[in-house]
Protein backbone atom coordinates (compact mmCIF):
# COMPACT_ATOMS: atom_id res chain seq x y z
CA UNK A 1 0.00 0.00 0.00
CA UNK A 2 1.39 3.35 -0.94
CA UNK A 3 0.98 6.37 1.27
CA UNK A 4 -1.10 8.68 -0.88
CA UNK A 5 -2.77 11.94 0.08
CA UNK A 6 -6.07 10.37 1.19
CA UNK A 7 -4.39 7.83 3.49
CA UNK A 8 -2.27 10.48 5.20
CA UNK A 9 -5.25 12.83 5.56
CA UNK A 10 -7.37 10.05 7.06
CA UNK A 11 -4.53 9.07 9.40
CA UNK A 12 -4.18 12.58 10.85
CA UNK A 13 -7.96 13.00 10.99
CA UNK A 14 -8.38 9.87 13.10
CA UNK A 15 -5.34 10.71 15.26
CA UNK A 16 -6.92 14.08 16.00
CA UNK A 17 -10.32 12.56 16.80
CA UNK A 18 -8.93 9.80 19.03
CA UNK A 19 -6.44 11.98 20.91
CA UNK A 20 -8.97 14.80 21.21
CA UNK A 21 -11.44 12.33 22.67
CA UNK A 22 -8.86 11.08 25.16
CA UNK A 23 -8.10 14.66 26.17
CA UNK A 24 -11.79 15.42 26.69
CA UNK A 25 -12.29 12.16 28.61
CA UNK A 26 -9.31 12.88 30.88
CA UNK A 27 -10.53 16.43 31.50
CA UNK A 28 -14.02 15.22 32.39
CA UNK A 29 -12.62 12.49 34.63
CA UNK A 30 -10.43 14.98 36.51
CA UNK A 31 -13.27 17.51 36.73
CA UNK A 32 -15.92 15.16 38.09
CA UNK A 33 -13.88 12.41 39.76
CA UNK A 34 -10.79 14.33 40.82
CA UNK A 35 -10.94 13.19 44.43
CA UNK A 36 -11.13 9.55 43.37
CA UNK A 37 -8.21 9.98 40.95
CA UNK A 38 -6.18 11.75 43.66
CA UNK A 39 -6.93 8.99 46.16
CA UNK A 40 -5.89 6.30 43.70
CA UNK A 41 -2.60 8.05 42.90
CA UNK A 42 -1.95 8.96 46.51
CA UNK A 43 -1.93 5.24 47.38
CA UNK A 44 0.93 4.66 44.93
CA UNK A 45 2.88 7.89 45.35
CA UNK A 46 2.72 10.04 48.48
CA UNK A 47 1.82 13.48 47.11
CA UNK A 48 -0.04 16.47 48.49
CA UNK A 49 -3.35 17.40 46.95
CA UNK A 50 -2.01 20.78 45.82
CA UNK A 51 0.98 19.18 44.10
CA UNK A 52 -1.37 16.67 42.45
CA UNK A 53 -3.57 19.44 41.05
CA UNK A 54 -0.54 21.27 39.65
CA UNK A 55 0.80 18.07 38.10
CA UNK A 56 -2.54 17.18 36.50
CA UNK A 57 -2.99 20.73 35.19
CA UNK A 58 0.48 20.64 33.63
CA UNK A 59 -0.07 17.15 32.20
CA UNK A 60 -3.38 18.06 30.56
CA UNK A 61 -1.89 21.28 29.20
CA UNK A 62 1.11 19.44 27.77
CA UNK A 63 -1.14 16.78 26.24
CA UNK A 64 -3.33 19.47 24.68
CA UNK A 65 -0.29 21.14 23.10
CA UNK A 66 0.96 17.78 21.80
CA UNK A 67 -2.45 16.98 20.25
CA UNK A 68 -2.65 20.38 18.59
CA UNK A 69 0.94 20.44 17.30
CA UNK A 70 1.29 16.83 16.18
CA UNK A 71 -2.28 15.95 15.14
CA UNK A 72 -4.50 18.95 14.43
CA UNK A 73 -1.97 21.24 12.70
CA UNK A 74 -0.73 18.53 10.28
CA UNK A 75 -4.33 17.57 9.50
CA UNK A 76 -5.29 21.18 8.73
CA UNK A 77 -2.14 21.62 6.61
CA UNK A 78 -2.91 18.48 4.60
CA UNK A 79 -6.51 19.59 4.05
CA UNK A 80 -5.27 22.99 2.80
CA UNK A 81 -2.74 21.33 0.50
CA UNK A 82 -5.46 19.04 -0.84
CA UNK A 83 -7.71 21.99 -1.65
CA UNK A 84 -4.85 23.74 -3.40
CA UNK A 85 -4.08 20.58 -5.40
CA UNK A 86 -7.69 20.24 -6.49
CA UNK A 87 -7.87 23.91 -7.52
CA UNK A 88 -4.76 23.63 -9.69
CA UNK A 89 -6.12 20.52 -11.44
CA UNK A 90 -9.42 22.12 -12.47
CA UNK A 91 -9.63 22.83 -16.20
CA UNK A 92 -10.15 26.47 -17.16
PDB file of N, CA and C in Angstrom:
ATOM      1  N   UNK A   1       0.844  -1.182   0.000  1.00  0.00           N
ATOM      2  CA  UNK A   1       0.000   0.000   0.000  1.00  0.00           C
ATOM      3  C   UNK A   1       0.884   1.239   0.000  1.00  0.00           C
ATOM      4  N   UNK A   2       0.626   2.116  -0.907  1.00  0.00           N
ATOM      5  CA  UNK A   2       1.389   3.352  -0.943  1.00  0.00           C
ATOM      6  C   UNK A   2       0.705   4.401  -0.081  1.00  0.00           C
ATOM      7  N   UNK A   3       1.512   5.305   0.429  1.00  0.00           N
ATOM      8  CA  UNK A   3       0.976   6.374   1.271  1.00  0.00           C
ATOM      9  C   UNK A   3       0.581   7.546   0.384  1.00  0.00           C
ATOM     10  N   UNK A   4      -0.660   7.562  -0.060  1.00  0.00           N
ATOM     11  CA  UNK A   4      -1.101   8.675  -0.877  1.00  0.00           C
ATOM     12  C   UNK A   4      -1.759   9.735   0.005  1.00  0.00           C
ATOM     13  N   UNK A   5      -2.190  10.795  -0.636  1.00  0.00           N
ATOM     14  CA  UNK A   5      -2.765  11.936   0.078  1.00  0.00           C
ATOM     15  C   UNK A   5      -3.951  11.540   0.956  1.00  0.00           C
ATOM     16  N   UNK A   6      -4.855  10.728   0.436  1.00  0.00           N
ATOM     17  CA  UNK A   6      -6.065  10.368   1.188  1.00  0.00           C
ATOM     18  C   UNK A   6      -5.753   9.541   2.428  1.00  0.00           C
ATOM     19  N   UNK A   7      -4.773   8.660   2.338  1.00  0.00           N
ATOM     20  CA  UNK A   7      -4.393   7.833   3.492  1.00  0.00           C
ATOM     21  C   UNK A   7      -3.788   8.706   4.586  1.00  0.00           C
ATOM     22  N   UNK A   8      -2.909   9.608   4.206  1.00  0.00           N
ATOM     23  CA  UNK A   8      -2.271  10.478   5.202  1.00  0.00           C
ATOM     24  C   UNK A   8      -3.306  11.405   5.843  1.00  0.00           C
ATOM     25  N   UNK A   9      -4.212  11.953   5.027  1.00  0.00           N
ATOM     26  CA  UNK A   9      -5.255  12.828   5.564  1.00  0.00           C
ATOM     27  C   UNK A   9      -6.145  12.060   6.543  1.00  0.00           C
ATOM     28  N   UNK A  10      -6.536  10.859   6.177  1.00  0.00           N
ATOM     29  CA  UNK A  10      -7.374  10.049   7.063  1.00  0.00           C
ATOM     30  C   UNK A  10      -6.626   9.692   8.344  1.00  0.00           C
ATOM     31  N   UNK A  11      -5.335   9.392   8.226  1.00  0.00           N
ATOM     32  CA  UNK A  11      -4.526   9.071   9.404  1.00  0.00           C
ATOM     33  C   UNK A  11      -4.534  10.224  10.402  1.00  0.00           C
ATOM     34  N   UNK A  12      -4.225  11.431   9.936  1.00  0.00           N
ATOM     35  CA  UNK A  12      -4.183  12.578  10.849  1.00  0.00           C
ATOM     36  C   UNK A  12      -5.570  12.958  11.354  1.00  0.00           C
ATOM     37  N   UNK A  13      -6.590  12.737  10.541  1.00  0.00           N
ATOM     38  CA  UNK A  13      -7.961  12.999  10.991  1.00  0.00           C
ATOM     39  C   UNK A  13      -8.311  12.099  12.176  1.00  0.00           C
ATOM     40  N   UNK A  14      -8.038  10.795  12.027  1.00  0.00           N
ATOM     41  CA  UNK A  14      -8.380   9.868  13.102  1.00  0.00           C
ATOM     42  C   UNK A  14      -7.476  10.046  14.322  1.00  0.00           C
ATOM     43  N   UNK A  15      -6.216  10.399  14.115  1.00  0.00           N
ATOM     44  CA  UNK A  15      -5.336  10.707  15.260  1.00  0.00           C
ATOM     45  C   UNK A  15      -5.898  11.882  16.052  1.00  0.00           C
ATOM     46  N   UNK A  16      -6.359  12.907  15.334  1.00  0.00           N
ATOM     47  CA  UNK A  16      -6.920  14.081  16.002  1.00  0.00           C
ATOM     48  C   UNK A  16      -8.193  13.715  16.757  1.00  0.00           C
ATOM     49  N   UNK A  17      -9.061  12.941  16.143  1.00  0.00           N
ATOM     50  CA  UNK A  17     -10.318  12.556  16.797  1.00  0.00           C
ATOM     51  C   UNK A  17     -10.050  11.701  18.034  1.00  0.00           C
ATOM     52  N   UNK A  18      -9.197  10.703  17.904  1.00  0.00           N
ATOM     53  CA  UNK A  18      -8.928   9.804  19.034  1.00  0.00           C
ATOM     54  C   UNK A  18      -8.225  10.534  20.170  1.00  0.00           C
ATOM     55  N   UNK A  19      -7.159  11.263  19.859  1.00  0.00           N
ATOM     56  CA  UNK A  19      -6.435  11.978  20.913  1.00  0.00           C
ATOM     57  C   UNK A  19      -7.260  13.113  21.508  1.00  0.00           C
ATOM     58  N   UNK A  20      -8.063  13.785  20.678  1.00  0.00           N
ATOM     59  CA  UNK A  20      -8.971  14.803  21.207  1.00  0.00           C
ATOM     60  C   UNK A  20      -9.996  14.196  22.155  1.00  0.00           C
ATOM     61  N   UNK A  21     -10.503  13.033  21.793  1.00  0.00           N
ATOM     62  CA  UNK A  21     -11.444  12.327  22.675  1.00  0.00           C
ATOM     63  C   UNK A  21     -10.809  11.917  23.989  1.00  0.00           C
ATOM     64  N   UNK A  22      -9.577  11.426  23.922  1.00  0.00           N
ATOM     65  CA  UNK A  22      -8.862  11.078  25.161  1.00  0.00           C
ATOM     66  C   UNK A  22      -8.626  12.295  26.035  1.00  0.00           C
ATOM     67  N   UNK A  23      -8.302  13.423  25.415  1.00  0.00           N
ATOM     68  CA  UNK A  23      -8.100  14.662  26.168  1.00  0.00           C
ATOM     69  C   UNK A  23      -9.392  15.111  26.840  1.00  0.00           C
ATOM     70  N   UNK A  24     -10.491  15.049  26.125  1.00  0.00           N
ATOM     71  CA  UNK A  24     -11.791  15.417  26.693  1.00  0.00           C
ATOM     72  C   UNK A  24     -12.174  14.451  27.814  1.00  0.00           C
ATOM     73  N   UNK A  25     -11.978  13.156  27.592  1.00  0.00           N
ATOM     74  CA  UNK A  25     -12.293  12.159  28.611  1.00  0.00           C
ATOM     75  C   UNK A  25     -11.467  12.382  29.877  1.00  0.00           C
ATOM     76  N   UNK A  26     -10.170  12.632  29.717  1.00  0.00           N
ATOM     77  CA  UNK A  26      -9.305  12.879  30.878  1.00  0.00           C
ATOM     78  C   UNK A  26      -9.727  14.144  31.610  1.00  0.00           C
ATOM     79  N   UNK A  27     -10.091  15.180  30.872  1.00  0.00           N
ATOM     80  CA  UNK A  27     -10.527  16.426  31.501  1.00  0.00           C
ATOM     81  C   UNK A  27     -11.821  16.235  32.281  1.00  0.00           C
ATOM     82  N   UNK A  28     -12.755  15.490  31.701  1.00  0.00           N
ATOM     83  CA  UNK A  28     -14.022  15.223  32.391  1.00  0.00           C
ATOM     84  C   UNK A  28     -13.780  14.365  33.631  1.00  0.00           C
ATOM     85  N   UNK A  29     -12.928  13.365  33.503  1.00  0.00           N
ATOM     86  CA  UNK A  29     -12.615  12.494  34.631  1.00  0.00           C
ATOM     87  C   UNK A  29     -12.005  13.296  35.778  1.00  0.00           C
ATOM     88  N   UNK A  30     -11.063  14.164  35.478  1.00  0.00           N
ATOM     89  CA  UNK A  30     -10.432  14.983  36.514  1.00  0.00           C
ATOM     90  C   UNK A  30     -11.434  15.966  37.100  1.00  0.00           C
ATOM     91  N   UNK A  31     -12.301  16.523  36.252  1.00  0.00           N
ATOM     92  CA  UNK A  31     -13.273  17.514  36.725  1.00  0.00           C
ATOM     93  C   UNK A  31     -14.293  16.892  37.675  1.00  0.00           C
ATOM     94  N   UNK A  32     -14.822  15.733  37.324  1.00  0.00           N
ATOM     95  CA  UNK A  32     -15.916  15.163  38.094  1.00  0.00           C
ATOM     96  C   UNK A  32     -15.513  14.035  39.042  1.00  0.00           C
ATOM     97  N   UNK A  33     -14.324  13.481  38.877  1.00  0.00           N
ATOM     98  CA  UNK A  33     -13.877  12.406  39.764  1.00  0.00           C
ATOM     99  C   UNK A  33     -12.454  12.678  40.248  1.00  0.00           C
ATOM    100  N   UNK A  34     -12.133  13.949  40.420  1.00  0.00           N
ATOM    101  CA  UNK A  34     -10.785  14.332  40.820  1.00  0.00           C
ATOM    102  C   UNK A  34     -10.358  13.768  42.160  1.00  0.00           C
ATOM    103  N   UNK A  35     -11.281  13.736  43.115  1.00  0.00           N
ATOM    104  CA  UNK A  35     -10.939  13.189  44.434  1.00  0.00           C
ATOM    105  C   UNK A  35     -10.620  11.700  44.350  1.00  0.00           C
ATOM    106  N   UNK A  36     -11.383  10.976  43.548  1.00  0.00           N
ATOM    107  CA  UNK A  36     -11.128   9.551  43.371  1.00  0.00           C
ATOM    108  C   UNK A  36      -9.773   9.320  42.704  1.00  0.00           C
ATOM    109  N   UNK A  37      -9.483  10.107  41.663  1.00  0.00           N
ATOM    110  CA  UNK A  37      -8.210   9.983  40.952  1.00  0.00           C
ATOM    111  C   UNK A  37      -7.052  10.321  41.900  1.00  0.00           C
ATOM    112  N   UNK A  38      -7.220  11.383  42.692  1.00  0.00           N
ATOM    113  CA  UNK A  38      -6.182  11.748  43.657  1.00  0.00           C
ATOM    114  C   UNK A  38      -5.964  10.624  44.664  1.00  0.00           C
ATOM    115  N   UNK A  39      -7.048  10.072  45.185  1.00  0.00           N
ATOM    116  CA  UNK A  39      -6.933   8.989  46.163  1.00  0.00           C
ATOM    117  C   UNK A  39      -6.224   7.772  45.600  1.00  0.00           C
ATOM    118  N   UNK A  40      -6.524   7.444  44.346  1.00  0.00           N
ATOM    119  CA  UNK A  40      -5.889   6.301  43.700  1.00  0.00           C
ATOM    120  C   UNK A  40      -4.381   6.542  43.531  1.00  0.00           C
ATOM    121  N   UNK A  41      -4.017   7.736  43.093  1.00  0.00           N
ATOM    122  CA  UNK A  41      -2.601   8.046  42.900  1.00  0.00           C
ATOM    123  C   UNK A  41      -1.875   8.224  44.231  1.00  0.00           C
ATOM    124  N   UNK A  42      -2.563   8.739  45.196  1.00  0.00           N
ATOM    125  CA  UNK A  42      -1.947   8.963  46.508  1.00  0.00           C
ATOM    126  C   UNK A  42      -1.588   7.638  47.187  1.00  0.00           C
ATOM    127  N   UNK A  43      -2.283   6.559  46.845  1.00  0.00           N
ATOM    128  CA  UNK A  43      -1.933   5.242  47.378  1.00  0.00           C
ATOM    129  C   UNK A  43      -0.590   4.769  46.830  1.00  0.00           C
ATOM    130  N   UNK A  44      -0.306   5.105  45.579  1.00  0.00           N
ATOM    131  CA  UNK A  44       0.929   4.660  44.935  1.00  0.00           C
ATOM    132  C   UNK A  44       2.095   5.591  45.243  1.00  0.00           C
ATOM    133  N   UNK A  45       1.828   6.888  45.178  1.00  0.00           N
ATOM    134  CA  UNK A  45       2.877   7.895  45.354  1.00  0.00           C
ATOM    135  C   UNK A  45       2.406   8.896  46.393  1.00  0.00           C
ATOM    136  N   UNK A  46       3.134   9.032  47.498  1.00  0.00           N
ATOM    137  CA  UNK A  46       2.722  10.040  48.483  1.00  0.00           C
ATOM    138  C   UNK A  46       2.911  11.445  47.906  1.00  0.00           C
ATOM    139  N   UNK A  47       1.792  12.150  47.717  1.00  0.00           N
ATOM    140  CA  UNK A  47       1.816  13.475  47.110  1.00  0.00           C
ATOM    141  C   UNK A  47       0.728  14.310  47.765  1.00  0.00           C
ATOM    142  N   UNK A  48       0.989  15.592  47.912  1.00  0.00           N
ATOM    143  CA  UNK A  48      -0.038  16.466  48.487  1.00  0.00           C
ATOM    144  C   UNK A  48      -1.097  16.741  47.424  1.00  0.00           C
ATOM    145  N   UNK A  49      -2.262  17.135  47.882  1.00  0.00           N
ATOM    146  CA  UNK A  49      -3.351  17.405  46.946  1.00  0.00           C
ATOM    147  C   UNK A  49      -3.033  18.603  46.051  1.00  0.00           C
ATOM    148  N   UNK A  50      -2.388  19.618  46.623  1.00  0.00           N
ATOM    149  CA  UNK A  50      -2.011  20.781  45.816  1.00  0.00           C
ATOM    150  C   UNK A  50      -1.004  20.412  44.735  1.00  0.00           C
ATOM    151  N   UNK A  51      -0.012  19.611  45.081  1.00  0.00           N
ATOM    152  CA  UNK A  51       0.981  19.180  44.098  1.00  0.00           C
ATOM    153  C   UNK A  51       0.323  18.320  43.013  1.00  0.00           C
ATOM    154  N   UNK A  52      -0.647  17.507  43.410  1.00  0.00           N
ATOM    155  CA  UNK A  52      -1.366  16.672  42.453  1.00  0.00           C
ATOM    156  C   UNK A  52      -2.125  17.535  41.447  1.00  0.00           C
ATOM    157  N   UNK A  53      -2.807  18.570  41.936  1.00  0.00           N
ATOM    158  CA  UNK A  53      -3.571  19.441  41.048  1.00  0.00           C
ATOM    159  C   UNK A  53      -2.654  20.174  40.067  1.00  0.00           C
ATOM    160  N   UNK A  54      -1.507  20.606  40.536  1.00  0.00           N
ATOM    161  CA  UNK A  54      -0.544  21.266  39.649  1.00  0.00           C
ATOM    162  C   UNK A  54      -0.033  20.282  38.599  1.00  0.00           C
ATOM    163  N   UNK A  55       0.289  19.073  39.029  1.00  0.00           N
ATOM    164  CA  UNK A  55       0.801  18.066  38.101  1.00  0.00           C
ATOM    165  C   UNK A  55      -0.243  17.711  37.043  1.00  0.00           C
ATOM    166  N   UNK A  56      -1.480  17.526  37.446  1.00  0.00           N
ATOM    167  CA  UNK A  56      -2.540  17.180  36.497  1.00  0.00           C
ATOM    168  C   UNK A  56      -2.788  18.333  35.532  1.00  0.00           C
ATOM    169  N   UNK A  57      -2.790  19.551  36.042  1.00  0.00           N
ATOM    170  CA  UNK A  57      -2.990  20.728  35.193  1.00  0.00           C
ATOM    171  C   UNK A  57      -1.885  20.814  34.144  1.00  0.00           C
ATOM    172  N   UNK A  58      -0.646  20.601  34.561  1.00  0.00           N
ATOM    173  CA  UNK A  58       0.478  20.642  33.628  1.00  0.00           C
ATOM    174  C   UNK A  58       0.401  19.494  32.624  1.00  0.00           C
ATOM    175  N   UNK A  59       0.041  18.311  33.083  1.00  0.00           N
ATOM    176  CA  UNK A  59      -0.065  17.152  32.202  1.00  0.00           C
ATOM    177  C   UNK A  59      -1.135  17.358  31.134  1.00  0.00           C
ATOM    178  N   UNK A  60      -2.319  17.821  31.532  1.00  0.00           N
ATOM    179  CA  UNK A  60      -3.382  18.059  30.557  1.00  0.00           C
ATOM    180  C   UNK A  60      -3.003  19.172  29.583  1.00  0.00           C
ATOM    181  N   UNK A  61      -2.343  20.208  30.077  1.00  0.00           N
ATOM    182  CA  UNK A  61      -1.892  21.284  29.196  1.00  0.00           C
ATOM    183  C   UNK A  61      -0.864  20.799  28.195  1.00  0.00           C
ATOM    184  N   UNK A  62       0.086  19.993  28.659  1.00  0.00           N
ATOM    185  CA  UNK A  62       1.107  19.439  27.768  1.00  0.00           C
ATOM    186  C   UNK A  62       0.479  18.520  26.730  1.00  0.00           C
ATOM    187  N   UNK A  63      -0.465  17.691  27.159  1.00  0.00           N
ATOM    188  CA  UNK A  63      -1.135  16.781  26.240  1.00  0.00           C
ATOM    189  C   UNK A  63      -1.920  17.558  25.187  1.00  0.00           C
ATOM    190  N   UNK A  64      -2.575  18.646  25.611  1.00  0.00           N
ATOM    191  CA  UNK A  64      -3.331  19.472  24.682  1.00  0.00           C
ATOM    192  C   UNK A  64      -2.403  20.077  23.619  1.00  0.00           C
ATOM    193  N   UNK A  65      -1.253  20.580  24.048  1.00  0.00           N
ATOM    194  CA  UNK A  65      -0.293  21.144  23.099  1.00  0.00           C
ATOM    195  C   UNK A  65       0.198  20.071  22.131  1.00  0.00           C
ATOM    196  N   UNK A  66       0.490  18.876  22.648  1.00  0.00           N
ATOM    197  CA  UNK A  66       0.957  17.783  21.796  1.00  0.00           C
ATOM    198  C   UNK A  66      -0.110  17.407  20.762  1.00  0.00           C
ATOM    199  N   UNK A  67      -1.363  17.324  21.177  1.00  0.00           N
ATOM    200  CA  UNK A  67      -2.445  16.977  20.251  1.00  0.00           C
ATOM    201  C   UNK A  67      -2.578  18.045  19.171  1.00  0.00           C
ATOM    202  N   UNK A  68      -2.514  19.303  19.570  1.00  0.00           N
ATOM    203  CA  UNK A  68      -2.647  20.385  18.589  1.00  0.00           C
ATOM    204  C   UNK A  68      -1.477  20.384  17.615  1.00  0.00           C
ATOM    205  N   UNK A  69      -0.249  20.317  18.142  1.00  0.00           N
ATOM    206  CA  UNK A  69       0.936  20.445  17.299  1.00  0.00           C
ATOM    207  C   UNK A  69       1.152  19.229  16.401  1.00  0.00           C
ATOM    208  N   UNK A  70       0.951  18.035  16.936  1.00  0.00           N
ATOM    209  CA  UNK A  70       1.291  16.831  16.176  1.00  0.00           C
ATOM    210  C   UNK A  70       0.107  16.141  15.509  1.00  0.00           C
ATOM    211  N   UNK A  71      -1.113  16.559  15.779  1.00  0.00           N
ATOM    212  CA  UNK A  71      -2.282  15.946  15.142  1.00  0.00           C
ATOM    213  C   UNK A  71      -3.111  16.962  14.375  1.00  0.00           C
ATOM    214  N   UNK A  72      -3.578  18.002  15.050  1.00  0.00           N
ATOM    215  CA  UNK A  72      -4.499  18.952  14.429  1.00  0.00           C
ATOM    216  C   UNK A  72      -3.816  19.802  13.361  1.00  0.00           C
ATOM    217  N   UNK A  73      -2.658  20.367  13.666  1.00  0.00           N
ATOM    218  CA  UNK A  73      -1.971  21.236  12.701  1.00  0.00           C
ATOM    219  C   UNK A  73      -1.593  20.463  11.431  1.00  0.00           C
ATOM    220  N   UNK A  74      -1.001  19.255  11.521  1.00  0.00           N
ATOM    221  CA  UNK A  74      -0.726  18.530  10.280  1.00  0.00           C
ATOM    222  C   UNK A  74      -1.996  18.187   9.496  1.00  0.00           C
ATOM    223  N   UNK A  75      -3.084  17.870  10.197  1.00  0.00           N
ATOM    224  CA  UNK A  75      -4.334  17.571   9.504  1.00  0.00           C
ATOM    225  C   UNK A  75      -4.835  18.788   8.738  1.00  0.00           C
ATOM    226  N   UNK A  76      -4.837  19.951   9.390  1.00  0.00           N
ATOM    227  CA  UNK A  76      -5.288  21.178   8.726  1.00  0.00           C
ATOM    228  C   UNK A  76      -4.384  21.498   7.536  1.00  0.00           C
ATOM    229  N   UNK A  77      -3.081  21.346   7.709  1.00  0.00           N
ATOM    230  CA  UNK A  77      -2.144  21.617   6.612  1.00  0.00           C
ATOM    231  C   UNK A  77      -2.398  20.691   5.428  1.00  0.00           C
ATOM    232  N   UNK A  78      -2.656  19.424   5.693  1.00  0.00           N
ATOM    233  CA  UNK A  78      -2.912  18.478   4.603  1.00  0.00           C
ATOM    234  C   UNK A  78      -4.232  18.793   3.910  1.00  0.00           C
ATOM    235  N   UNK A  79      -5.236  19.208   4.663  1.00  0.00           N
ATOM    236  CA  UNK A  79      -6.508  19.592   4.047  1.00  0.00           C
ATOM    237  C   UNK A  79      -6.307  20.809   3.147  1.00  0.00           C
ATOM    238  N   UNK A  80      -5.539  21.793   3.610  1.00  0.00           N
ATOM    239  CA  UNK A  80      -5.270  22.987   2.799  1.00  0.00           C
ATOM    240  C   UNK A  80      -4.510  22.611   1.531  1.00  0.00           C
ATOM    241  N   UNK A  81      -3.508  21.768   1.672  1.00  0.00           N
ATOM    242  CA  UNK A  81      -2.739  21.327   0.504  1.00  0.00           C
ATOM    243  C   UNK A  81      -3.647  20.591  -0.481  1.00  0.00           C
ATOM    244  N   UNK A  82      -4.540  19.771   0.027  1.00  0.00           N
ATOM    245  CA  UNK A  82      -5.464  19.042  -0.842  1.00  0.00           C
ATOM    246  C   UNK A  82      -6.386  19.971  -1.605  1.00  0.00           C
ATOM    247  N   UNK A  83      -6.848  21.018  -0.957  1.00  0.00           N
ATOM    248  CA  UNK A  83      -7.709  21.986  -1.651  1.00  0.00           C
ATOM    249  C   UNK A  83      -6.925  22.724  -2.719  1.00  0.00           C
ATOM    250  N   UNK A  84      -5.681  23.062  -2.422  1.00  0.00           N
ATOM    251  CA  UNK A  84      -4.847  23.744  -3.399  1.00  0.00           C
ATOM    252  C   UNK A  84      -4.568  22.824  -4.599  1.00  0.00           C
ATOM    253  N   UNK A  85      -4.326  21.553  -4.323  1.00  0.00           N
ATOM    254  CA  UNK A  85      -4.078  20.580  -5.405  1.00  0.00           C
ATOM    255  C   UNK A  85      -5.297  20.449  -6.302  1.00  0.00           C
ATOM    256  N   UNK A  86      -6.483  20.401  -5.695  1.00  0.00           N
ATOM    257  CA  UNK A  86      -7.694  20.237  -6.494  1.00  0.00           C
ATOM    258  C   UNK A  86      -8.009  21.491  -7.309  1.00  0.00           C
ATOM    259  N   UNK A  87      -7.647  22.667  -6.776  1.00  0.00           N
ATOM    260  CA  UNK A  87      -7.875  23.908  -7.523  1.00  0.00           C
ATOM    261  C   UNK A  87      -6.936  24.015  -8.713  1.00  0.00           C
ATOM    262  N   UNK A  88      -5.705  23.543  -8.580  1.00  0.00           N
ATOM    263  CA  UNK A  88      -4.761  23.633  -9.689  1.00  0.00           C
ATOM    264  C   UNK A  88      -5.065  22.604 -10.776  1.00  0.00           C
ATOM    265  N   UNK A  89      -5.787  21.556 -10.464  1.00  0.00           N
ATOM    266  CA  UNK A  89      -6.116  20.515 -11.443  1.00  0.00           C
ATOM    267  C   UNK A  89      -7.402  20.821 -12.219  1.00  0.00           C
ATOM    268  N   UNK A  90      -8.184  21.797 -11.783  1.00  0.00           N
ATOM    269  CA  UNK A  90      -9.420  22.120 -12.469  1.00  0.00           C
ATOM    270  C   UNK A  90      -9.123  22.709 -13.851  1.00  0.00           C
ATOM    271  N   UNK A  91      -9.834  22.241 -14.855  1.00  0.00           N
ATOM    272  CA  UNK A  91      -9.632  22.827 -16.197  1.00  0.00           C
ATOM    273  C   UNK A  91     -10.250  24.218 -16.280  1.00  0.00           C
ATOM    274  N   UNK A  92      -9.641  25.087 -17.019  1.00  0.00           N
ATOM    275  CA  UNK A  92     -10.145  26.474 -17.163  1.00  0.00           C
ATOM    276  C   UNK A  92     -11.188  26.563 -18.226  1.00  0.00           C
TER     277      UNK A  92
END
